[in-house]
Amino acid sequence: MTWGAGSVHDGAVTSLGDLTPPPATRATRPGWRDPRLWIGVAIVALSVVAGSRLLAAADDSVTVWAATTDLVAGDELTADDLAARQVRFVDADDLDRYVSADQELPPDARLLRGVGDGELLPRAAVGSAEETDVLQLPIAVEPALVPESVRAGSVVSIYVRDTARCPECAGAALPGVTVVDAPAVDDLTGARQLVVAVEQADADRWFELLAGLEQPVITVLGS
């Protein structure tokens, strides 16, 4: 039997006209008062702080002294000769090999060996005046017998010959010495001076050699 728009099931009558779908709802963005928003902001802030601390902990760089110019053995170290450099050592024990910029240099600090421009300052290269016998020896030379490229920090060999006794004889009196200072030519005398770093024994031999020559001629060879 047909009952029109309705149907009978277990004694209950259901009308199709009463089956209306529920109203649709749209997702809304959380407002400023929504606690979920503030929880998210707090999580992001904590992540940033934690990341910054991790990066700071990972940065194990240290500050050490480095030379700002070529320095030679016997030089007195001053603040003008050094600059602080940030360095990250792979091996922490390497830090002990260099002078920390957090430490002040002693007033009588001198170099026991040469240090190049930009080179980190080794602890083994720093001592006192009593620990080094390096002297600064001034030598007067003819400008034409010195290469123009010779300057402070250059390594040169100094040859001497006696024009009175043996003009063709020449020997390296001071081989492989470091130039400490190389002033310009003196306008009054026309001579040039070189100051080289030598040990006490080399300085003694130099003066003994000159004392035995009648007309010494000094020639400087650059490396």
C-alpha atoms as a PDB file:
ATOM      1  CA  MET A   1       0.000   0.000   0.000  1.00  0.00           C
ATOM      2  CA  THR A   2       1.247   3.442  -0.788  1.00  0.00           C
ATOM      3  CA  TRP A   3       1.270   6.117   1.890  1.00  0.00           C
ATOM      4  CA  GLY A   4       2.431   9.014  -0.180  1.00  0.00           C
ATOM      5  CA  ALA A   5       5.641  10.849   0.851  1.00  0.00           C
ATOM      6  CA  GLY A   6       5.991   8.942   4.118  1.00  0.00           C
ATOM      7  CA  SER A   7       6.955   5.340   4.956  1.00  0.00           C
ATOM      8  CA  VAL A   8       6.116   2.906   7.733  1.00  0.00           C
ATOM      9  CA  HIS A   9       9.000   1.170   9.541  1.00  0.00           C
ATOM     10  CA  ASP A  10       8.472  -0.695  12.812  1.00  0.00           C
ATOM     11  CA  GLY A  11       5.363   1.245  13.457  1.00  0.00           C
ATOM     12  CA  ALA A  12       6.958   4.707  13.090  1.00  0.00           C
ATOM     13  CA  VAL A  13       6.114   7.119  10.374  1.00  0.00           C
ATOM     14  CA  THR A  14       8.892   9.307   9.021  1.00  0.00           C
ATOM     15  CA  SER A  15       8.198  12.258   6.820  1.00  0.00           C
ATOM     16  CA  LEU A  16      10.840  13.043   4.163  1.00  0.00           C
ATOM     17  CA  GLY A  17       9.849  16.647   4.373  1.00  0.00           C
ATOM     18  CA  ASP A  18      11.215  16.834   7.945  1.00  0.00           C
ATOM     19  CA  LEU A  19      14.759  15.681   6.970  1.00  0.00           C
ATOM     20  CA  THR A  20      16.568  19.065   6.747  1.00  0.00           C
ATOM     21  CA  PRO A  21      20.436  19.174   6.747  1.00  0.00           C
ATOM     22  CA  PRO A  22      22.196  20.956   9.665  1.00  0.00           C
ATOM     23  CA  PRO A  23      23.408  24.481   8.955  1.00  0.00           C
ATOM     24  CA  ALA A  24      27.012  24.729   7.560  1.00  0.00           C
ATOM     25  CA  THR A  25      29.705  26.289   9.813  1.00  0.00           C
ATOM     26  CA  ARG A  26      32.849  28.074   8.574  1.00  0.00           C
ATOM     27  CA  ALA A  27      36.275  27.830  10.237  1.00  0.00           C
ATOM     28  CA  THR A  28      37.253  31.110  11.854  1.00  0.00           C
ATOM     29  CA  ARG A  29      40.723  32.419  12.650  1.00  0.00           C
ATOM     30  CA  PRO A  30      41.549  32.536  16.343  1.00  0.00           C
ATOM     31  CA  GLY A  31      41.247  35.995  17.832  1.00  0.00           C
ATOM     32  CA  TRP A  32      43.800  37.755  20.008  1.00  0.00           C
ATOM     33  CA  ARG A  33      42.014  36.446  23.072  1.00  0.00           C
ATOM     34  CA  ASP A  34      42.242  32.867  21.902  1.00  0.00           C
ATOM     35  CA  PRO A  35      44.611  31.048  24.310  1.00  0.00           C
ATOM     36  CA  ARG A  36      45.812  28.830  21.467  1.00  0.00           C
ATOM     37  CA  LEU A  37      47.366  31.857  19.744  1.00  0.00           C
ATOM     38  CA  TRP A  38      49.333  32.869  22.820  1.00  0.00           C
ATOM     39  CA  ILE A  39      50.517  29.319  23.378  1.00  0.00           C
ATOM     40  CA  GLY A  40      51.874  29.281  19.825  1.00  0.00           C
ATOM     41  CA  VAL A  41      53.642  32.614  20.332  1.00  0.00           C
ATOM     42  CA  ALA A  42      55.214  31.319  23.528  1.00  0.00           C
ATOM     43  CA  ILE A  43      56.464  28.171  21.788  1.00  0.00           C
ATOM     44  CA  VAL A  44      58.087  30.221  19.005  1.00  0.00           C
ATOM     45  CA  ALA A  45      59.743  32.562  21.523  1.00  0.00           C
ATOM     46  CA  LEU A  46      61.132  29.665  23.534  1.00  0.00           C
ATOM     47  CA  SER A  47      62.486  28.097  20.357  1.00  0.00           C
ATOM     48  CA  VAL A  48      64.304  31.321  19.409  1.00  0.00           C
ATOM     49  CA  VAL A  49      65.853  31.676  22.874  1.00  0.00           C
ATOM     50  CA  ALA A  50      66.922  28.044  22.956  1.00  0.00           C
ATOM     51  CA  GLY A  51      68.447  28.303  19.478  1.00  0.00           C
ATOM     52  CA  SER A  52      70.402  31.425  20.421  1.00  0.00           C
ATOM     53  CA  ARG A  53      71.818  29.730  23.499  1.00  0.00           C
ATOM     54  CA  LEU A  54      72.827  26.690  21.503  1.00  0.00           C
ATOM     55  CA  LEU A  55      74.624  28.858  18.931  1.00  0.00           C
ATOM     56  CA  ALA A  56      76.384  30.787  21.674  1.00  0.00           C
ATOM     57  CA  ALA A  57      77.492  27.567  23.302  1.00  0.00           C
ATOM     58  CA  ALA A  58      78.755  26.265  19.964  1.00  0.00           C
ATOM     59  CA  ASP A  59      80.886  29.405  19.369  1.00  0.00           C
ATOM     60  CA  ASP A  60      84.097  28.464  21.182  1.00  0.00           C
ATOM     61  CA  SER A  61      86.246  31.103  19.467  1.00  0.00           C
ATOM     62  CA  VAL A  62      88.877  32.889  21.545  1.00  0.00           C
ATOM     63  CA  THR A  63      90.781  36.165  21.192  1.00  0.00           C
ATOM     64  CA  VAL A  64      94.550  36.057  20.669  1.00  0.00           C
ATOM     65  CA  TRP A  65      97.203  38.578  19.667  1.00  0.00           C
ATOM     66  CA  ALA A  66      98.417  38.812  16.062  1.00  0.00           C
ATOM     67  CA  ALA A  67     101.196  40.917  14.543  1.00  0.00           C
ATOM     68  CA  THR A  68     100.126  43.960  12.505  1.00  0.00           C
ATOM     69  CA  THR A  69     103.497  44.193  10.745  1.00  0.00           C
ATOM     70  CA  ASP A  70     106.642  42.164  10.194  1.00  0.00           C
ATOM     71  CA  LEU A  71     108.526  41.852  13.471  1.00  0.00           C
ATOM     72  CA  VAL A  72     112.056  40.556  13.941  1.00  0.00           C
ATOM     73  CA  ALA A  73     113.959  38.950  16.781  1.00  0.00           C
ATOM     74  CA  GLY A  74     114.932  41.481  19.418  1.00  0.00           C
ATOM     75  CA  ASP A  75     112.013  43.824  18.741  1.00  0.00           C
ATOM     76  CA  GLU A  76     110.267  45.199  21.796  1.00  0.00           C
ATOM     77  CA  LEU A  77     106.551  44.425  21.648  1.00  0.00           C
ATOM     78  CA  THR A  78     104.096  47.301  22.039  1.00  0.00           C
ATOM     79  CA  ALA A  79     100.340  47.682  21.619  1.00  0.00           C
ATOM     80  CA  ASP A  80     100.946  49.282  18.199  1.00  0.00           C
ATOM     81  CA  ASP A  81     102.535  46.064  16.933  1.00  0.00           C
ATOM     82  CA  LEU A  82      99.573  43.820  17.786  1.00  0.00           C
ATOM     83  CA  ALA A  83      95.858  43.461  17.142  1.00  0.00           C
ATOM     84  CA  ALA A  84      93.259  41.146  18.686  1.00  0.00           C
ATOM     85  CA  ARG A  85      91.948  38.370  16.445  1.00  0.00           C
ATOM     86  CA  GLN A  86      89.006  36.006  16.972  1.00  0.00           C
ATOM     87  CA  VAL A  87      90.171  32.444  16.360  1.00  0.00           C
ATOM     88  CA  ARG A  88      88.409  29.102  16.673  1.00  0.00           C
ATOM     89  CA  PHE A  89      90.803  26.256  17.387  1.00  0.00           C
ATOM     90  CA  VAL A  90      89.842  22.705  16.485  1.00  0.00           C
ATOM     91  CA  ASP A  91      92.041  21.438  19.303  1.00  0.00           C
ATOM     92  CA  ALA A  92      91.620  23.331  22.579  1.00  0.00           C
ATOM     93  CA  ASP A  93      95.255  22.600  23.476  1.00  0.00           C
ATOM     94  CA  ASP A  94      96.371  24.831  20.581  1.00  0.00           C
ATOM     95  CA  LEU A  95      95.251  27.881  22.554  1.00  0.00           C
ATOM     96  CA  ASP A  96      98.143  27.354  24.964  1.00  0.00           C
ATOM     97  CA  ARG A  97     100.584  27.882  22.090  1.00  0.00           C
ATOM     98  CA  TYR A  98      99.526  31.512  21.531  1.00  0.00           C
ATOM     99  CA  VAL A  99      99.318  34.658  23.634  1.00  0.00           C
ATOM    100  CA  SER A 100      95.742  35.432  24.668  1.00  0.00           C
ATOM    101  CA  ALA A 101      94.530  38.986  24.050  1.00  0.00           C
ATOM    102  CA  ASP A 102      92.957  38.896  27.503  1.00  0.00           C
ATOM    103  CA  GLN A 103      96.453  39.028  28.975  1.00  0.00           C
ATOM    104  CA  GLU A 104      98.560  42.167  29.062  1.00  0.00           C
ATOM    105  CA  LEU A 105     102.071  41.909  27.711  1.00  0.00           C
ATOM    106  CA  PRO A 106     104.885  42.517  30.219  1.00  0.00           C
ATOM    107  CA  PRO A 107     106.549  45.913  29.821  1.00  0.00           C
ATOM    108  CA  ASP A 108     109.876  44.394  28.716  1.00  0.00           C
ATOM    109  CA  ALA A 109     108.426  41.844  26.268  1.00  0.00           C
ATOM    110  CA  ARG A 110     110.731  41.137  23.335  1.00  0.00           C
ATOM    111  CA  LEU A 111     110.650  38.738  20.431  1.00  0.00           C
ATOM    112  CA  LEU A 112     112.936  35.740  20.570  1.00  0.00           C
ATOM    113  CA  ARG A 113     112.288  35.075  16.869  1.00  0.00           C
ATOM    114  CA  GLY A 114     110.664  36.852  13.948  1.00  0.00           C
ATOM    115  CA  VAL A 115     106.867  37.005  13.521  1.00  0.00           C
ATOM    116  CA  GLY A 116     105.304  37.872  10.163  1.00  0.00           C
ATOM    117  CA  ASP A 117     102.524  40.355   9.439  1.00  0.00           C
ATOM    118  CA  GLY A 118      99.169  38.779  10.375  1.00  0.00           C
ATOM    119  CA  GLU A 119     100.768  35.815  12.159  1.00  0.00           C
ATOM    120  CA  LEU A 120      99.378  34.810  15.548  1.00  0.00           C
ATOM    121  CA  LEU A 121     101.784  35.586  18.375  1.00  0.00           C
ATOM    122  CA  PRO A 122     103.303  32.335  19.725  1.00  0.00           C
ATOM    123  CA  ARG A 123     104.100  32.133  23.418  1.00  0.00           C
ATOM    124  CA  ALA A 124     107.464  30.576  22.562  1.00  0.00           C
ATOM    125  CA  ALA A 125     108.414  33.693  20.566  1.00  0.00           C
ATOM    126  CA  VAL A 126     107.943  36.101  23.487  1.00  0.00           C
ATOM    127  CA  GLY A 127     110.542  36.641  26.193  1.00  0.00           C
ATOM    128  CA  SER A 128     112.328  39.350  28.105  1.00  0.00           C
ATOM    129  CA  ALA A 129     115.445  41.344  27.305  1.00  0.00           C
ATOM    130  CA  GLU A 130     117.453  38.985  29.509  1.00  0.00           C
ATOM    131  CA  GLU A 131     116.317  35.956  27.515  1.00  0.00           C
ATOM    132  CA  THR A 132     117.585  37.130  24.136  1.00  0.00           C
ATOM    133  CA  ASP A 133     121.071  38.011  22.979  1.00  0.00           C
ATOM    134  CA  VAL A 134     119.833  39.504  19.713  1.00  0.00           C
ATOM    135  CA  LEU A 135     121.380  42.875  18.931  1.00  0.00           C
ATOM    136  CA  GLN A 136     120.472  45.528  16.385  1.00  0.00           C
ATOM    137  CA  LEU A 137     123.573  46.204  14.286  1.00  0.00           C
ATOM    138  CA  PRO A 138     123.713  49.406  12.178  1.00  0.00           C
ATOM    139  CA  ILE A 139     125.625  49.156   8.905  1.00  0.00           C
ATOM    140  CA  ALA A 140     126.457  52.057   6.570  1.00  0.00           C
ATOM    141  CA  VAL A 141     126.269  51.096   2.901  1.00  0.00           C
ATOM    142  CA  GLU A 142     126.373  52.792  -0.475  1.00  0.00           C
ATOM    143  CA  PRO A 143     122.821  53.189  -1.873  1.00  0.00           C
ATOM    144  CA  ALA A 144     123.870  51.670  -5.208  1.00  0.00           C
ATOM    145  CA  LEU A 145     124.943  48.483  -3.414  1.00  0.00           C
ATOM    146  CA  VAL A 146     121.571  47.891  -1.741  1.00  0.00           C
ATOM    147  CA  PRO A 147     118.476  46.676  -3.633  1.00  0.00           C
ATOM    148  CA  GLU A 148     115.673  49.236  -3.569  1.00  0.00           C
ATOM    149  CA  SER A 149     113.263  46.526  -2.466  1.00  0.00           C
ATOM    150  CA  VAL A 150     115.075  46.024   0.858  1.00  0.00           C
ATOM    151  CA  ARG A 151     112.953  47.208   3.759  1.00  0.00           C
ATOM    152  CA  ALA A 152     112.245  46.370   7.365  1.00  0.00           C
ATOM    153  CA  GLY A 153     111.483  42.668   7.580  1.00  0.00           C
ATOM    154  CA  SER A 154     113.588  41.720   4.551  1.00  0.00           C
ATOM    155  CA  VAL A 155     116.072  38.874   4.876  1.00  0.00           C
ATOM    156  CA  VAL A 156     119.420  39.783   3.312  1.00  0.00           C
ATOM    157  CA  SER A 157     122.993  38.552   3.085  1.00  0.00           C
ATOM    158  CA  ILE A 158     125.792  41.083   3.583  1.00  0.00           C
ATOM    159  CA  TYR A 159     129.028  40.571   1.646  1.00  0.00           C
ATOM    160  CA  VAL A 160     132.325  42.356   2.296  1.00  0.00           C
ATOM    161  CA  ARG A 161     135.461  42.700   0.146  1.00  0.00           C
ATOM    162  CA  ASP A 162     138.688  44.684   0.539  1.00  0.00           C
ATOM    163  CA  THR A 163     139.453  46.736  -2.569  1.00  0.00           C
ATOM    164  CA  ALA A 164     142.983  47.475  -1.335  1.00  0.00           C
ATOM    165  CA  ARG A 165     144.161  43.902  -0.812  1.00  0.00           C
ATOM    166  CA  CYS A 166     141.886  41.662  -2.884  1.00  0.00           C
ATOM    167  CA  PRO A 167     139.281  43.475  -4.987  1.00  0.00           C
ATOM    168  CA  GLU A 168     137.919  40.242  -6.436  1.00  0.00           C
ATOM    169  CA  CYS A 169     137.612  38.521  -3.065  1.00  0.00           C
ATOM    170  CA  ALA A 170     134.221  38.710  -1.353  1.00  0.00           C
ATOM    171  CA  GLY A 171     132.524  36.601   1.268  1.00  0.00           C
ATOM    172  CA  ALA A 172     129.211  36.513   3.060  1.00  0.00           C
ATOM    173  CA  ALA A 173     130.043  38.104   6.386  1.00  0.00           C
ATOM    174  CA  LEU A 174     126.414  38.097   7.602  1.00  0.00           C
ATOM    175  CA  PRO A 175     124.315  35.565   5.677  1.00  0.00           C
ATOM    176  CA  GLY A 176     120.547  35.424   6.118  1.00  0.00           C
ATOM    177  CA  VAL A 177     120.047  38.289   8.580  1.00  0.00           C
ATOM    178  CA  THR A 178     116.761  40.152   9.074  1.00  0.00           C
ATOM    179  CA  VAL A 179     116.521  43.895   8.464  1.00  0.00           C
ATOM    180  CA  VAL A 180     115.069  45.699  11.467  1.00  0.00           C
ATOM    181  CA  ASP A 181     115.085  49.173   9.958  1.00  0.00           C
ATOM    182  CA  ALA A 182     115.950  50.605   6.542  1.00  0.00           C
ATOM    183  CA  PRO A 183     115.993  54.418   6.625  1.00  0.00           C
ATOM    184  CA  ALA A 184     116.046  56.425   3.433  1.00  0.00           C
ATOM    185  CA  VAL A 185     119.275  57.778   1.953  1.00  0.00           C
ATOM    186  CA  ASP A 186     120.842  60.556   4.009  1.00  0.00           C
ATOM    187  CA  ASP A 187     120.738  63.716   1.886  1.00  0.00           C
ATOM    188  CA  LEU A 188     123.847  65.138   3.601  1.00  0.00           C
ATOM    189  CA  THR A 189     126.207  62.163   3.387  1.00  0.00           C
ATOM    190  CA  GLY A 190     124.616  60.318   0.461  1.00  0.00           C
ATOM    191  CA  ALA A 191     124.921  57.062   2.436  1.00  0.00           C
ATOM    192  CA  ARG A 192     122.266  54.660   3.515  1.00  0.00           C
ATOM    193  CA  GLN A 193     121.978  52.784   6.770  1.00  0.00           C
ATOM    194  CA  LEU A 194     120.604  49.324   7.393  1.00  0.00           C
ATOM    195  CA  VAL A 195     119.896  47.970  10.858  1.00  0.00           C
ATOM    196  CA  VAL A 196     120.021  44.178  11.040  1.00  0.00           C
ATOM    197  CA  ALA A 197     119.280  41.739  13.850  1.00  0.00           C
ATOM    198  CA  VAL A 198     122.299  39.615  14.801  1.00  0.00           C
ATOM    199  CA  GLU A 199     123.417  37.580  17.776  1.00  0.00           C
ATOM    200  CA  GLN A 200     126.243  38.737  19.985  1.00  0.00           C
ATOM    201  CA  ALA A 201     128.754  36.317  18.441  1.00  0.00           C
ATOM    202  CA  ASP A 202     127.932  37.504  14.911  1.00  0.00           C
ATOM    203  CA  ALA A 203     128.343  41.146  15.941  1.00  0.00           C
ATOM    204  CA  ASP A 204     131.773  40.391  17.432  1.00  0.00           C
ATOM    205  CA  ARG A 205     132.927  38.653  14.226  1.00  0.00           C
ATOM    206  CA  TRP A 206     131.632  41.557  12.138  1.00  0.00           C
ATOM    207  CA  PHE A 207     133.729  44.123  13.977  1.00  0.00           C
ATOM    208  CA  GLU A 208     136.787  41.854  13.923  1.00  0.00           C
ATOM    209  CA  LEU A 209     136.406  41.509  10.150  1.00  0.00           C
ATOM    210  CA  LEU A 210     136.130  45.260   9.536  1.00  0.00           C
ATOM    211  CA  ALA A 211     139.146  45.924  11.755  1.00  0.00           C
ATOM    212  CA  GLY A 212     141.320  43.783   9.469  1.00  0.00           C
ATOM    213  CA  LEU A 213     140.297  45.459   6.191  1.00  0.00           C
ATOM    214  CA  GLU A 214     141.873  48.586   4.701  1.00  0.00           C
ATOM    215  CA  GLN A 215     139.136  49.616   2.248  1.00  0.00           C
ATOM    216  CA  PRO A 216     136.033  47.527   2.941  1.00  0.00           C
ATOM    217  CA  VAL A 217     133.178  47.607   0.453  1.00  0.00           C
ATOM    218  CA  ILE A 218     129.836  46.316   1.684  1.00  0.00           C
ATOM    219  CA  THR A 219     127.261  44.844  -0.690  1.00  0.00           C
ATOM    220  CA  VAL A 220     123.755  43.768   0.316  1.00  0.00           C
ATOM    221  CA  LEU A 221     121.989  40.944  -1.498  1.00  0.00           C
ATOM    222  CA  GLY A 222     118.253  40.560  -1.098  1.00  0.00           C
ATOM    223  CA  SER A 223     116.561  37.163  -0.916  1.00  0.00           C
END
